[in-house]
N, C-alpha and C. Protein backbone atom coordinates (compact mmCIF):
# COMPACT_ATOMS: atom_id res chain seq x y z
N UNK A 1 0.84 -1.17 -0.08
CA UNK A 1 0.04 -0.04 -0.01
C UNK A 1 1.04 1.25 0.10
N UNK A 2 1.98 1.29 0.73
CA UNK A 2 2.78 2.38 0.88
C UNK A 2 3.40 2.73 -0.60
N UNK A 3 3.76 1.52 -1.28
CA UNK A 3 4.38 1.71 -2.51
C UNK A 3 3.34 2.34 -3.57
N UNK A 4 2.02 2.01 -3.37
CA UNK A 4 1.08 2.59 -4.25
C UNK A 4 0.88 4.05 -4.11
N UNK A 5 0.92 4.27 -2.71
CA UNK A 5 1.00 5.73 -2.31
C UNK A 5 2.00 6.55 -2.90
N UNK A 6 3.27 6.04 -2.63
CA UNK A 6 4.31 6.83 -3.25
C UNK A 6 4.35 6.89 -4.80
N UNK A 7 3.86 5.86 -5.43
CA UNK A 7 3.55 5.86 -6.78
C UNK A 7 2.44 6.77 -7.26
N UNK A 8 2.02 7.34 -6.47
CA UNK A 8 0.76 8.33 -6.78
C UNK A 8 -0.53 7.60 -7.38
N UNK A 9 -0.55 6.46 -6.79
CA UNK A 9 -1.69 5.58 -7.20
C UNK A 9 -3.06 6.16 -6.82
N UNK A 10 -3.06 6.98 -5.97
CA UNK A 10 -4.34 7.45 -5.14
C UNK A 10 -4.46 9.03 -5.46
N UNK A 11 -3.44 9.61 -6.27
CA UNK A 11 -3.44 10.91 -6.33
C UNK A 11 -4.65 11.69 -7.37
N UNK A 12 -5.19 10.78 -8.42
CA UNK A 12 -5.98 11.51 -9.28
C UNK A 12 -7.36 12.05 -8.47
N UNK A 13 -7.74 11.52 -7.36
CA UNK A 13 -8.95 11.89 -6.76
C UNK A 13 -8.68 12.98 -5.52
N UNK A 14 -9.71 13.39 -5.15
CA UNK A 14 -9.53 14.49 -4.06
C UNK A 14 -9.26 13.78 -2.78
N UNK A 15 -8.81 14.32 -1.74
CA UNK A 15 -8.61 13.58 -0.48
C UNK A 15 -9.73 13.66 0.36
N UNK A 16 -10.71 12.70 0.02
CA UNK A 16 -12.20 13.02 0.47
C UNK A 16 -12.50 11.56 1.20
N UNK A 17 -13.78 11.50 1.74
CA UNK A 17 -14.29 10.23 2.23
C UNK A 17 -14.14 8.99 1.40
N UNK A 18 -14.49 9.30 0.17
CA UNK A 18 -14.31 8.19 -0.68
C UNK A 18 -13.00 7.72 -1.01
N UNK A 19 -12.05 8.36 -0.94
CA UNK A 19 -10.56 7.88 -0.87
C UNK A 19 -10.26 7.00 0.45
N UNK A 20 -10.77 7.68 1.50
CA UNK A 20 -10.68 6.71 2.61
C UNK A 20 -11.28 5.41 2.58
N UNK A 21 -12.58 5.39 2.09
CA UNK A 21 -13.03 4.00 1.94
C UNK A 21 -12.41 3.06 0.87
N UNK A 22 -11.85 3.78 -0.12
CA UNK A 22 -10.84 3.06 -1.02
C UNK A 22 -9.68 2.35 -0.50
N UNK A 23 -9.00 3.21 0.28
CA UNK A 23 -7.76 2.95 1.09
C UNK A 23 -8.14 1.63 2.01
N UNK A 24 -9.50 1.91 2.84
CA UNK A 24 -9.70 0.57 3.66
C UNK A 24 -10.01 -0.67 2.90
N UNK A 25 -10.73 -0.60 1.58
CA UNK A 25 -11.05 -1.72 0.87
C UNK A 25 -9.85 -2.25 0.17
N UNK A 26 -9.00 -1.57 -0.27
CA UNK A 26 -7.79 -1.84 -0.78
C UNK A 26 -6.82 -2.55 0.26
N UNK A 27 -6.98 -2.22 1.60
CA UNK A 27 -5.98 -2.67 2.55
C UNK A 27 -6.54 -3.98 3.10
N UNK A 28 -8.03 -4.03 3.35
CA UNK A 28 -8.47 -5.26 3.96
C UNK A 28 -9.48 -5.88 3.16
N UNK A 29 -9.69 -5.67 1.97
CA UNK A 29 -10.84 -6.27 1.08
C UNK A 29 -10.77 -7.71 1.13
N UNK A 30 -9.42 -8.27 1.01
CA UNK A 30 -9.21 -9.68 0.75
C UNK A 30 -9.62 -10.40 2.23
N UNK A 31 -9.44 -9.86 3.17
CA UNK A 31 -9.70 -10.25 4.59
C UNK A 31 -11.25 -10.25 5.00
N UNK A 32 -11.82 -9.15 4.70
CA UNK A 32 -13.24 -8.89 5.10
C UNK A 32 -14.00 -8.07 4.12
N UNK A 33 -14.16 -8.93 2.93
CA UNK A 33 -14.87 -8.40 1.76
C UNK A 33 -16.22 -7.87 2.02
N UNK A 34 -16.89 -8.46 3.02
CA UNK A 34 -18.33 -7.91 3.42
C UNK A 34 -18.51 -6.54 3.72
N UNK A 35 -17.33 -6.22 4.50
CA UNK A 35 -17.36 -4.80 5.04
C UNK A 35 -16.30 -3.89 4.80
N UNK A 36 -15.45 -4.36 4.02
CA UNK A 36 -14.28 -3.45 3.63
C UNK A 36 -14.58 -2.28 2.96
N UNK A 37 -14.03 -1.19 3.34
CA UNK A 37 -14.44 0.01 2.45
C UNK A 37 -15.80 0.62 2.73
N UNK A 38 -16.44 0.24 3.80
CA UNK A 38 -17.81 0.67 4.19
C UNK A 38 -17.64 1.19 5.48
N UNK A 39 -18.57 2.19 5.89
CA UNK A 39 -18.55 2.85 7.24
C UNK A 39 -19.21 1.72 8.25
N UNK A 40 -18.82 1.83 9.62
CA UNK A 40 -19.15 0.68 10.36
C UNK A 40 -20.69 0.91 10.69
N UNK A 41 -21.21 -0.18 11.02
CA UNK A 41 -22.60 -0.33 11.23
C UNK A 41 -22.89 -0.85 12.90
N UNK A 42 -21.74 -0.92 13.53
CA UNK A 42 -21.98 -1.24 14.88
C UNK A 42 -21.20 -0.24 15.86
N UNK A 43 -21.74 -0.30 17.06
CA UNK A 43 -21.04 0.61 17.96
C UNK A 43 -19.75 -0.02 18.55
N UNK A 44 -18.96 0.75 18.84
CA UNK A 44 -17.62 0.31 19.15
C UNK A 44 -17.00 1.20 20.32
N UNK A 45 -16.12 0.61 20.98
CA UNK A 45 -15.55 1.28 22.08
C UNK A 45 -13.94 1.20 21.92
N UNK A 46 -13.16 2.28 22.14
CA UNK A 46 -11.67 2.28 21.83
C UNK A 46 -11.22 2.61 23.26
N UNK A 47 -10.69 1.81 23.87
CA UNK A 47 -10.19 1.97 25.31
C UNK A 47 -11.47 2.76 25.99
N UNK A 48 -11.25 4.06 26.55
CA UNK A 48 -12.39 4.51 27.33
C UNK A 48 -13.16 5.33 26.44
N UNK A 49 -12.59 5.63 25.22
CA UNK A 49 -13.24 6.47 24.09
C UNK A 49 -14.62 5.69 23.56
N UNK A 50 -15.62 6.21 23.56
CA UNK A 50 -16.79 5.83 22.83
C UNK A 50 -16.87 6.61 21.53
N UNK A 51 -16.63 6.23 20.39
CA UNK A 51 -16.80 6.81 19.18
C UNK A 51 -18.37 7.24 18.83
N UNK A 52 -18.69 8.05 18.02
CA UNK A 52 -19.80 8.44 17.55
C UNK A 52 -20.77 7.10 17.13
N UNK A 53 -22.12 7.29 17.21
CA UNK A 53 -22.90 6.21 16.86
C UNK A 53 -22.85 5.98 15.34
N UNK A 54 -22.87 4.62 15.08
CA UNK A 54 -22.73 4.38 13.41
C UNK A 54 -23.69 5.24 12.50
N UNK A 55 -24.77 5.59 12.86
CA UNK A 55 -25.44 6.46 12.09
C UNK A 55 -25.09 7.86 11.83
N UNK A 56 -24.22 8.25 12.87
CA UNK A 56 -23.67 9.71 12.42
C UNK A 56 -22.38 9.57 11.66
N UNK A 57 -21.64 8.38 11.42
CA UNK A 57 -20.38 8.23 10.89
C UNK A 57 -20.40 8.87 9.40
N UNK A 58 -21.34 8.50 8.35
CA UNK A 58 -21.34 9.25 7.15
C UNK A 58 -21.35 10.72 7.20
N UNK A 59 -22.19 11.36 7.97
CA UNK A 59 -22.13 12.80 8.03
C UNK A 59 -20.84 13.40 8.67
N UNK A 60 -20.33 12.73 9.85
CA UNK A 60 -19.27 13.01 10.28
C UNK A 60 -18.01 12.97 9.38
N UNK A 61 -17.96 11.94 8.44
CA UNK A 61 -17.04 11.74 7.61
C UNK A 61 -17.11 12.63 6.48
N UNK A 62 -18.11 13.12 6.00
CA UNK A 62 -18.32 14.03 5.10
C UNK A 62 -17.78 15.46 5.43
N UNK A 63 -18.30 15.77 6.63
CA UNK A 63 -17.72 16.89 7.45
C UNK A 63 -16.24 16.77 7.40
N UNK A 64 -15.77 15.73 7.95
CA UNK A 64 -14.22 15.78 8.11
C UNK A 64 -13.43 15.99 6.76
N UNK A 65 -13.99 15.50 5.80
CA UNK A 65 -13.30 15.43 4.37
C UNK A 65 -13.44 16.74 3.78
N UNK A 66 -14.68 17.55 3.90
CA UNK A 66 -14.62 18.93 3.49
C UNK A 66 -13.88 19.82 4.21
N UNK A 67 -13.78 19.63 5.57
CA UNK A 67 -12.82 20.58 6.30
C UNK A 67 -11.47 20.40 5.83
N UNK A 68 -10.94 18.99 5.91
CA UNK A 68 -9.74 18.71 5.30
C UNK A 68 -9.39 19.23 4.04
N UNK A 69 -10.30 19.07 3.03
CA UNK A 69 -10.03 19.53 1.68
C UNK A 69 -9.83 21.20 1.73
N UNK A 70 -10.64 21.98 2.60
CA UNK A 70 -10.43 23.26 2.52
C UNK A 70 -9.14 23.54 3.26
N UNK A 71 -8.76 22.94 4.25
CA UNK A 71 -7.42 23.23 4.80
C UNK A 71 -6.16 22.90 3.90
N UNK A 72 -6.33 21.82 2.94
CA UNK A 72 -5.35 21.67 2.13
C UNK A 72 -5.37 22.52 0.87
N UNK A 73 -6.50 23.18 0.49
CA UNK A 73 -6.69 23.95 -0.64
C UNK A 73 -6.07 25.30 -0.52
N UNK A 74 -5.80 25.81 0.64
CA UNK A 74 -5.37 26.82 0.86
C UNK A 74 -3.68 27.07 0.73
N UNK A 75 -3.09 25.92 0.30
CA UNK A 75 -1.63 25.91 0.18
C UNK A 75 -1.12 26.29 1.58
N UNK A 76 -1.19 25.29 2.50
CA UNK A 76 -0.89 25.66 3.91
C UNK A 76 0.61 26.24 4.03
N UNK A 77 0.78 27.07 5.05
CA UNK A 77 2.10 27.42 5.45
C UNK A 77 2.72 26.41 6.03
N UNK A 78 4.18 26.39 6.10
CA UNK A 78 4.76 25.23 6.82
C UNK A 78 4.47 25.28 8.37
N UNK A 79 4.29 26.59 8.96
CA UNK A 79 3.93 26.61 10.33
C UNK A 79 2.52 25.96 10.65
N UNK A 80 1.76 25.99 9.80
CA UNK A 80 0.33 25.38 9.86
C UNK A 80 0.40 23.71 9.75
N UNK A 81 1.25 23.28 9.30
CA UNK A 81 1.17 21.60 8.95
C UNK A 81 1.08 20.97 10.02
N UNK A 82 1.82 21.21 11.23
CA UNK A 82 1.52 20.29 12.44
C UNK A 82 0.20 20.24 12.67
N UNK A 83 -0.55 21.46 12.76
CA UNK A 83 -2.14 21.54 13.31
C UNK A 83 -2.85 20.91 12.22
N UNK A 84 -2.59 20.84 10.98
CA UNK A 84 -3.34 20.26 10.02
C UNK A 84 -3.42 18.92 10.01
N UNK A 85 -2.16 18.28 10.23
CA UNK A 85 -1.91 16.94 10.44
C UNK A 85 -2.49 16.34 11.60
N UNK A 86 -2.32 17.16 12.62
CA UNK A 86 -2.80 16.56 14.10
C UNK A 86 -4.30 16.45 13.78
N UNK A 87 -5.06 17.44 13.27
CA UNK A 87 -6.46 17.37 13.27
C UNK A 87 -6.83 16.13 12.22
N UNK A 88 -6.05 16.00 11.23
CA UNK A 88 -6.44 14.92 10.33
C UNK A 88 -6.17 13.57 10.97
N UNK A 89 -5.21 13.57 11.89
CA UNK A 89 -5.10 11.99 12.42
C UNK A 89 -6.08 11.94 13.67
N UNK A 90 -6.08 13.04 14.36
CA UNK A 90 -6.88 12.78 15.84
C UNK A 90 -8.50 12.79 15.46
N UNK A 91 -8.94 13.50 14.53
CA UNK A 91 -10.26 13.57 14.16
C UNK A 91 -10.83 12.32 13.73
N UNK A 92 -10.02 11.78 12.69
CA UNK A 92 -10.15 10.59 12.02
C UNK A 92 -10.27 9.49 13.09
N UNK A 93 -9.50 9.35 13.83
CA UNK A 93 -9.33 8.32 14.87
C UNK A 93 -10.29 8.52 15.69
N UNK A 94 -10.88 9.63 16.37
CA UNK A 94 -11.77 9.88 17.13
C UNK A 94 -13.27 9.32 16.66
N UNK A 95 -13.35 9.73 15.24
CA UNK A 95 -14.54 9.30 14.68
C UNK A 95 -14.57 7.63 14.56
N UNK A 96 -13.61 7.02 14.15
CA UNK A 96 -13.34 5.50 14.11
C UNK A 96 -14.32 5.06 13.12
N UNK A 97 -14.30 5.44 11.88
CA UNK A 97 -15.48 5.11 10.86
C UNK A 97 -15.62 3.61 10.59
N UNK A 98 -14.56 2.79 10.72
CA UNK A 98 -14.67 1.50 10.18
C UNK A 98 -14.65 0.50 11.30
N UNK A 99 -15.34 -0.62 11.10
CA UNK A 99 -15.56 -1.66 12.15
C UNK A 99 -13.94 -2.12 12.69
N UNK A 100 -13.05 -2.08 11.85
CA UNK A 100 -11.64 -2.63 12.37
C UNK A 100 -10.74 -1.87 11.29
N UNK A 101 -9.41 -2.09 11.53
CA UNK A 101 -8.37 -1.50 10.95
C UNK A 101 -8.17 0.08 10.65
N UNK A 102 -8.67 0.85 11.81
CA UNK A 102 -8.86 2.17 11.70
C UNK A 102 -7.41 2.80 11.84
N UNK A 103 -6.67 2.23 12.64
CA UNK A 103 -5.29 2.95 13.06
C UNK A 103 -4.35 2.48 11.81
N UNK A 104 -4.25 1.41 11.23
CA UNK A 104 -3.74 1.11 10.01
C UNK A 104 -4.05 2.02 8.87
N UNK A 105 -5.33 2.12 8.47
CA UNK A 105 -5.88 2.96 7.48
C UNK A 105 -5.60 4.41 7.77
N UNK A 106 -5.69 4.78 8.85
CA UNK A 106 -5.35 6.22 9.26
C UNK A 106 -3.60 6.42 8.99
N UNK A 107 -2.87 5.54 9.21
CA UNK A 107 -1.42 5.70 8.89
C UNK A 107 -1.48 5.87 7.35
N UNK A 108 -2.05 4.72 6.66
CA UNK A 108 -1.96 5.02 5.26
C UNK A 108 -2.46 6.25 4.73
N UNK A 109 -3.51 6.91 5.21
CA UNK A 109 -4.05 8.18 4.98
C UNK A 109 -3.13 9.31 5.10
N UNK A 110 -2.49 9.22 6.42
CA UNK A 110 -1.40 10.18 6.78
C UNK A 110 -0.16 10.17 5.75
N UNK A 111 0.26 8.79 5.26
CA UNK A 111 1.19 8.79 4.19
C UNK A 111 0.67 9.60 2.85
N UNK A 112 -0.48 9.27 2.56
CA UNK A 112 -0.97 10.01 1.36
C UNK A 112 -1.08 11.53 1.53
N UNK A 113 -1.31 12.00 2.72
CA UNK A 113 -1.46 13.33 2.81
C UNK A 113 0.05 13.89 2.97
N UNK A 114 0.85 13.36 3.54
CA UNK A 114 2.37 13.74 3.47
C UNK A 114 2.80 13.78 2.03
N UNK A 115 2.47 12.86 1.19
CA UNK A 115 2.92 12.75 -0.24
C UNK A 115 2.10 14.00 -0.90
N UNK A 116 0.98 14.31 -0.62
CA UNK A 116 0.28 15.44 -1.25
C UNK A 116 0.88 16.71 -0.74
N UNK A 117 1.27 16.88 0.18
CA UNK A 117 1.90 18.02 0.83
C UNK A 117 3.40 18.03 0.54
N UNK A 118 3.74 17.04 -0.22
CA UNK A 118 5.37 16.98 -0.83
C UNK A 118 6.18 17.29 0.48
N UNK A 119 5.80 16.40 1.64
CA UNK A 119 6.51 16.19 2.83
C UNK A 119 7.28 14.77 2.78
N UNK A 120 8.51 14.80 3.47
CA UNK A 120 9.25 13.48 3.44
C UNK A 120 8.45 12.70 4.47
N UNK A 121 8.64 11.20 4.35
CA UNK A 121 7.92 10.32 5.30
C UNK A 121 8.40 10.64 6.59
N UNK A 122 7.62 10.49 7.58
CA UNK A 122 7.91 10.46 8.97
C UNK A 122 7.42 9.30 9.85
N UNK A 123 8.16 9.10 10.95
CA UNK A 123 7.60 7.94 11.86
C UNK A 123 6.23 8.22 12.48
N UNK A 124 5.28 7.26 12.10
CA UNK A 124 4.09 7.47 12.54
C UNK A 124 3.61 6.68 13.83
N UNK A 125 4.40 5.60 14.01
CA UNK A 125 4.17 4.79 15.08
C UNK A 125 5.28 4.91 16.14
N UNK A 126 5.09 5.50 17.45
CA UNK A 126 6.16 5.69 18.59
C UNK A 126 6.64 4.19 18.75
N UNK A 127 7.99 4.16 18.92
CA UNK A 127 8.72 2.89 19.20
C UNK A 127 8.92 2.68 20.77
N UNK A 128 9.32 3.60 21.55
CA UNK A 128 9.59 3.42 22.80
C UNK A 128 8.09 3.47 23.63
N UNK A 129 8.19 2.75 24.70
CA UNK A 129 7.13 2.79 25.63
C UNK A 129 6.68 4.33 26.13
N UNK A 130 7.65 5.03 26.41
CA UNK A 130 7.03 6.30 26.76
C UNK A 130 6.57 7.21 25.79
N UNK A 131 7.25 6.95 24.51
CA UNK A 131 6.43 7.59 23.34
C UNK A 131 5.22 7.19 23.20
N UNK A 132 5.11 5.86 23.18
CA UNK A 132 3.59 5.39 22.94
C UNK A 132 2.68 5.95 23.97
N UNK A 133 3.16 6.00 25.16
CA UNK A 133 2.19 6.54 26.36
C UNK A 133 1.98 8.08 25.84
N UNK A 134 2.89 8.76 25.56
CA UNK A 134 2.56 10.08 25.14
C UNK A 134 1.71 10.22 23.86
N UNK A 135 1.96 9.41 23.06
CA UNK A 135 1.05 9.49 21.78
C UNK A 135 -0.50 8.96 22.28
N UNK A 136 -0.69 8.01 23.13
CA UNK A 136 -2.06 7.64 23.44
C UNK A 136 -2.51 8.79 24.19
N UNK A 137 -1.81 9.58 24.93
CA UNK A 137 -2.48 10.54 25.78
C UNK A 137 -2.91 11.69 24.79
N UNK A 138 -2.08 11.96 23.76
CA UNK A 138 -2.24 12.99 22.66
C UNK A 138 -3.65 12.61 21.96
N UNK A 139 -3.92 11.20 21.69
CA UNK A 139 -5.07 10.76 20.90
C UNK A 139 -6.28 10.87 21.97
N UNK A 140 -6.05 10.79 23.28
CA UNK A 140 -7.12 10.92 24.11
C UNK A 140 -7.61 12.41 24.33
N UNK A 141 -6.59 13.26 24.32
CA UNK A 141 -7.07 14.70 24.24
C UNK A 141 -7.58 15.03 23.05
N UNK A 142 -7.22 14.49 21.83
CA UNK A 142 -7.85 14.83 20.53
C UNK A 142 -9.39 14.28 20.67
N UNK A 143 -9.61 13.02 21.17
CA UNK A 143 -10.95 12.79 21.50
C UNK A 143 -11.74 13.77 22.06
N UNK A 144 -11.15 14.74 22.93
CA UNK A 144 -11.92 15.79 23.43
C UNK A 144 -11.57 16.97 22.85
N UNK A 145 -11.41 16.92 21.45
CA UNK A 145 -11.13 17.97 20.66
C UNK A 145 -9.90 19.00 21.12
N UNK A 146 -9.04 18.59 21.78
CA UNK A 146 -8.01 19.41 22.35
C UNK A 146 -6.77 18.73 21.45
N UNK A 147 -6.47 19.41 20.27
CA UNK A 147 -5.25 18.91 19.52
C UNK A 147 -4.01 19.27 19.74
N UNK A 148 -3.86 20.22 20.90
CA UNK A 148 -2.21 20.55 21.27
C UNK A 148 -1.38 19.64 21.40
N UNK A 149 -1.76 18.49 22.13
CA UNK A 149 -0.59 17.58 22.30
C UNK A 149 -0.28 16.81 21.09
N UNK A 150 -1.26 16.61 20.18
CA UNK A 150 -0.96 15.93 18.89
C UNK A 150 -0.03 16.81 18.13
N UNK A 151 -0.41 18.25 18.05
CA UNK A 151 0.29 19.13 17.25
C UNK A 151 1.69 19.26 17.77
N UNK A 152 1.83 19.18 18.98
CA UNK A 152 3.31 19.10 19.54
C UNK A 152 3.97 17.85 18.88
N UNK A 153 3.40 16.66 18.98
CA UNK A 153 3.94 15.40 18.44
C UNK A 153 4.18 15.47 16.80
N UNK A 154 3.32 16.21 16.09
CA UNK A 154 3.37 16.38 14.71
C UNK A 154 4.76 17.40 14.48
N UNK A 155 4.78 18.44 15.30
CA UNK A 155 6.02 19.29 15.25
C UNK A 155 7.16 18.63 15.51
N UNK A 156 7.24 17.75 16.22
CA UNK A 156 8.43 16.84 16.48
C UNK A 156 8.70 15.78 15.23
N UNK A 157 7.73 15.12 14.89
CA UNK A 157 7.63 14.24 13.78
C UNK A 157 8.26 15.16 12.56
N UNK A 158 7.78 16.29 12.27
CA UNK A 158 8.21 16.97 11.06
C UNK A 158 9.60 17.55 11.39
N UNK A 159 9.96 17.88 12.43
CA UNK A 159 11.29 18.33 12.86
C UNK A 159 12.44 17.27 12.54
N UNK A 160 11.95 16.06 12.66
CA UNK A 160 13.05 14.94 12.34
C UNK A 160 13.29 14.95 10.83
N UNK A 161 12.60 15.75 9.85
CA UNK A 161 12.93 15.78 8.69
C UNK A 161 13.90 16.85 8.27
N UNK A 162 14.38 17.57 9.32
CA UNK A 162 15.35 18.53 9.23
C UNK A 162 14.92 19.92 8.81
N UNK A 163 13.59 20.12 8.86
CA UNK A 163 12.90 21.51 8.40
C UNK A 163 12.14 21.94 9.66
N UNK A 164 12.01 23.37 9.69
CA UNK A 164 11.24 24.00 10.89
C UNK A 164 9.89 24.14 10.46
N UNK A 165 8.98 23.51 11.45
CA UNK A 165 7.53 23.65 11.33
C UNK A 165 6.95 24.18 12.48
N UNK A 166 7.60 24.80 13.39
CA UNK A 166 7.30 25.43 14.70
C UNK A 166 6.21 26.35 14.23
N UNK A 167 4.93 26.00 14.94
CA UNK A 167 3.82 27.08 14.76
C UNK A 167 4.04 28.24 15.38
């Protein structure tokens, strides 16, 4: 999937909810063909977080995609990229639109966004236990619509590329 993303396989279309469904379907369609690429129809719980009800997901995802498209259309300044990517990641994971594979598809989505923004790849999965705990805390904050911890993480991720993205 990453090779497809890097080869601009998903580039022709807009970064919208249909592309997210396509990424999900391409990722896990062989495993779960009955519901791959479709919004979840079940209630789920992710740790202490209870994502929106299934009937709310289509509208939330349409709003998410429209907001993201608007943010991307304005040729974002480098200093706004950590916030853009933090909201893209945190909001998507908070909605939790699919029955399964949300984390993996979110990482693929972020790879696609990085490619569209012409940014180098960054590490999306914390490796050390303390980094993982900080990441999970940032996601919990994003569930409550506080993106500041995730913005700080994105600032660090992007700084690893050698460029300054300080907001």
